[in-house]
Amino acid sequence: MKLIFASNSKKKSEEIKILLPPTVELLNLADVNIIEDIPETGETFKANALIKAKYVFDKTGINCFADDSGLEVEALDMRPGVYSARYAGEEKNSDHNIDLLLKELRDKENRNAQFHTVIALLINGGTYFFEGIVRGSIIHERKGNSGFGYDPIFVADGDNKTFAELSLEEKNQISHRAIAIRQLVTFLEKI
């Protein structure tokens, strides 16, 4: 089965490819000559995931899925949310995003947060959604060199390492994206 993952993120693709069964041939946007940024104009993760999946399906006619993910911080009224990648500006700079988030949390005692992802799958004429959430907290300074985005400042509940200190295998045991991908895999195995 061929499936396009509607993303240009090599890191996300690596995380996902490991979780998919060998019967799925995973294509990325470069494989189908889509190089432009896909607009993310939705107000929710679900809306953005669907916008991206439809964009790719309309251009290729190939079954595909897209995710939209972000960090939601309680003390910031669940921001940055859908604006996680662009939190500090349109250039989508992870270091600037982390700097801004830590600055806004500087005087806050509540550092509870969650990573949230929604996957939209367009396959065989149907539209399906899968969701993953991992709760945790934001630490005061970066730790670790793996992962991407906010991984260096997020520690999942029950753990003592940031996502950036975990190996890919360890992260794929607990991450929000892995939770949603496992739901997607279970669904794909039934069709």
Protein backbone atom coordinates (compact mmCIF):
# COMPACT_ATOMS: atom_id res chain seq x y z
CA MET A 1 0.00 0.00 0.00
CA LYS A 2 1.31 3.44 -0.97
CA LEU A 3 0.67 6.31 1.42
CA ILE A 4 1.92 9.87 1.22
CA PHE A 5 2.81 11.58 4.47
CA ALA A 6 1.95 15.23 3.83
CA SER A 7 5.01 16.75 5.45
CA ASN A 8 8.46 18.01 4.54
CA SER A 9 9.79 17.23 8.03
CA LYS A 10 12.48 14.56 7.81
CA LYS A 11 12.41 14.12 11.61
CA LYS A 12 8.65 13.46 11.63
CA SER A 13 9.01 11.07 8.69
CA GLU A 14 11.72 9.12 10.54
CA GLU A 15 9.53 8.82 13.64
CA ILE A 16 6.56 7.62 11.59
CA LYS A 17 8.34 5.24 9.22
CA ILE A 18 9.60 3.13 12.13
CA LEU A 19 6.03 2.67 13.39
CA LEU A 20 4.43 1.66 10.09
CA PRO A 21 4.14 -1.97 8.99
CA PRO A 22 6.44 -3.08 6.14
CA THR A 23 3.39 -3.41 3.86
CA VAL A 24 3.12 0.40 3.73
CA GLU A 25 5.35 2.25 1.28
CA LEU A 26 5.68 5.70 2.81
CA LEU A 27 6.18 8.58 0.39
CA ASN A 28 6.96 12.12 1.43
CA LEU A 29 6.16 15.36 -0.36
CA ALA A 30 9.51 15.43 -2.18
CA ASP A 31 8.70 12.00 -3.66
CA VAL A 32 5.61 13.50 -5.34
CA ASN A 33 7.21 16.84 -6.27
CA ILE A 34 5.31 19.00 -3.79
CA ILE A 35 7.84 21.52 -2.55
CA GLU A 36 5.60 24.41 -1.57
CA ASP A 37 4.51 25.08 2.01
CA ILE A 38 0.97 23.85 2.46
CA PRO A 39 -1.22 26.52 4.07
CA GLU A 40 -2.30 25.88 7.64
CA THR A 41 -5.29 28.18 7.99
CA GLY A 42 -7.38 26.09 10.39
CA GLU A 43 -8.20 27.02 13.97
CA THR A 44 -7.65 23.48 15.28
CA PHE A 45 -5.16 20.65 14.81
CA LYS A 46 -7.93 18.60 13.20
CA ALA A 47 -8.74 21.33 10.67
CA ASN A 48 -5.07 21.85 9.74
CA ALA A 49 -4.41 18.12 9.36
CA LEU A 50 -7.40 17.83 7.03
CA ILE A 51 -6.38 20.90 5.00
CA LYS A 52 -2.90 19.42 4.43
CA ALA A 53 -4.16 15.93 3.58
CA LYS A 54 -6.76 17.28 1.12
CA TYR A 55 -4.20 19.53 -0.53
CA VAL A 56 -1.89 16.59 -1.20
CA PHE A 57 -4.67 14.22 -2.24
CA ASP A 58 -6.13 16.79 -4.66
CA LYS A 59 -2.68 17.22 -6.29
CA THR A 60 -1.75 13.52 -6.48
CA GLY A 61 -4.86 11.34 -6.19
CA ILE A 62 -2.82 9.06 -3.90
CA ASN A 63 -4.06 7.98 -0.46
CA CYS A 64 -2.39 10.18 2.13
CA PHE A 65 -2.30 11.37 5.68
CA ALA A 66 -1.19 14.54 7.43
CA ASP A 67 -0.67 15.47 11.01
CA ASP A 68 -0.89 18.72 12.83
CA SER A 69 0.73 18.87 16.22
CA GLY A 70 1.65 21.36 18.82
CA LEU A 71 2.38 22.19 22.40
CA GLU A 72 -0.43 23.36 24.68
CA VAL A 73 0.59 25.06 27.93
CA GLU A 74 -1.98 25.45 30.73
CA ALA A 75 -0.61 28.72 32.14
CA LEU A 76 -0.73 30.26 28.65
CA ASP A 77 -4.37 29.34 28.00
CA MET A 78 -3.22 26.33 25.92
CA ARG A 79 -0.98 28.40 23.68
CA PRO A 80 0.99 28.09 21.47
CA GLY A 81 -1.35 25.34 20.17
CA VAL A 82 -1.86 25.43 16.39
CA TYR A 83 0.71 28.24 16.22
CA SER A 84 3.48 26.15 17.84
CA ALA A 85 5.80 26.18 14.80
CA ARG A 86 5.23 29.91 14.19
CA TYR A 87 5.01 31.01 17.83
CA ALA A 88 7.90 33.48 17.63
CA GLY A 89 7.41 34.35 13.97
CA GLU A 90 6.76 33.09 10.47
CA GLU A 91 10.34 31.82 10.05
CA LYS A 92 9.43 28.79 12.22
CA ASN A 93 12.62 28.94 14.30
CA SER A 94 12.50 26.37 17.11
CA ASP A 95 15.12 28.17 19.23
CA HIS A 96 13.19 31.44 19.05
CA ASN A 97 9.95 29.61 19.87
CA ILE A 98 11.51 28.02 22.96
CA ASP A 99 13.04 31.34 24.05
CA LEU A 100 9.66 33.07 23.84
CA LEU A 101 7.86 30.25 25.66
CA LEU A 102 10.40 30.18 28.51
CA LYS A 103 10.21 33.97 28.79
CA GLU A 104 6.41 33.86 29.04
CA LEU A 105 6.59 31.11 31.69
CA ARG A 106 9.36 32.77 33.71
CA ASP A 107 7.06 33.89 36.56
CA LYS A 108 4.54 31.04 36.30
CA GLU A 109 4.38 28.23 38.85
CA ASN A 110 2.06 26.09 36.72
CA ARG A 111 4.24 24.53 34.04
CA ASN A 112 1.80 21.80 33.01
CA ALA A 113 1.68 21.20 29.28
CA GLN A 114 0.78 18.61 26.70
CA PHE A 115 1.85 17.67 23.23
CA HIS A 116 -1.20 17.12 21.03
CA THR A 117 -1.42 15.66 17.54
CA VAL A 118 -4.24 14.90 15.15
CA ILE A 119 -3.80 12.81 12.01
CA ALA A 120 -6.17 13.07 9.06
CA LEU A 121 -6.15 10.06 6.74
CA LEU A 122 -7.72 10.20 3.27
CA ILE A 123 -7.96 6.66 1.92
CA ASN A 124 -10.20 4.86 -0.55
CA GLY A 125 -12.70 7.74 -0.57
CA GLY A 126 -13.00 8.00 3.23
CA THR A 127 -11.71 10.50 5.79
CA TYR A 128 -10.55 9.28 9.19
CA PHE A 129 -8.97 10.99 12.22
CA PHE A 130 -6.60 9.74 14.91
CA GLU A 131 -5.47 11.66 17.98
CA GLY A 132 -2.65 11.46 20.49
CA ILE A 133 -1.93 13.47 23.63
CA VAL A 134 0.97 13.17 26.06
CA ARG A 135 0.86 15.23 29.24
CA GLY A 136 3.88 16.61 31.01
CA SER A 137 5.57 19.84 32.01
CA ILE A 138 7.93 22.51 30.75
CA ILE A 139 11.34 22.66 32.42
CA HIS A 140 13.31 25.87 32.92
CA GLU A 141 16.15 25.27 30.44
CA ARG A 142 16.95 23.12 27.41
CA LYS A 143 18.24 19.59 27.89
CA GLY A 144 19.17 17.07 25.20
CA ASN A 145 20.12 17.13 21.54
CA SER A 146 17.65 14.75 19.91
CA GLY A 147 14.18 15.42 18.61
CA PHE A 148 12.99 18.78 17.34
CA GLY A 149 10.68 21.66 18.17
CA TYR A 150 9.93 21.96 21.88
CA ASP A 151 11.44 18.54 22.73
CA PRO A 152 14.37 20.03 24.74
CA ILE A 153 12.03 21.60 27.33
CA PHE A 154 9.22 19.01 27.60
CA VAL A 155 9.24 16.18 30.14
CA ALA A 156 6.38 13.68 29.98
CA ASP A 157 4.56 12.80 33.20
CA GLY A 158 6.27 9.88 34.93
CA ASP A 159 9.59 10.50 33.18
CA ASN A 160 12.67 12.50 34.17
CA LYS A 161 14.14 13.13 30.71
CA THR A 162 13.10 15.66 28.11
CA PHE A 163 11.92 14.35 24.74
CA ALA A 164 15.26 15.62 23.39
CA GLU A 165 17.15 13.33 25.80
CA LEU A 166 15.29 10.23 24.62
CA SER A 167 16.35 7.97 21.80
CA LEU A 168 13.95 7.76 18.87
CA GLU A 169 12.88 4.32 20.09
CA GLU A 170 12.19 5.64 23.61
CA LYS A 171 10.29 8.65 22.27
CA ASN A 172 8.21 6.39 20.02
CA GLN A 173 7.04 4.50 23.10
CA ILE A 174 5.33 7.53 24.63
CA SER A 175 4.98 10.44 22.19
CA HIS A 176 1.71 12.01 21.10
CA ARG A 177 2.53 11.30 17.45
CA ALA A 178 3.32 7.64 18.19
CA ILE A 179 -0.03 7.25 19.99
CA ALA A 180 -1.89 8.60 16.95
CA ILE A 181 0.23 6.59 14.48
CA ARG A 182 -0.47 3.35 16.40
CA GLN A 183 -4.20 4.08 15.99
CA LEU A 184 -3.60 4.70 12.27
CA VAL A 185 -1.67 1.40 11.93
CA THR A 186 -4.43 -0.55 13.69
CA PHE A 187 -6.93 0.98 11.27
CA LEU A 188 -4.77 0.20 8.21
CA GLU A 189 -4.38 -3.42 9.29
CA LYS A 190 -8.17 -3.82 9.22
CA ILE A 191 -8.69 -2.57 5.65
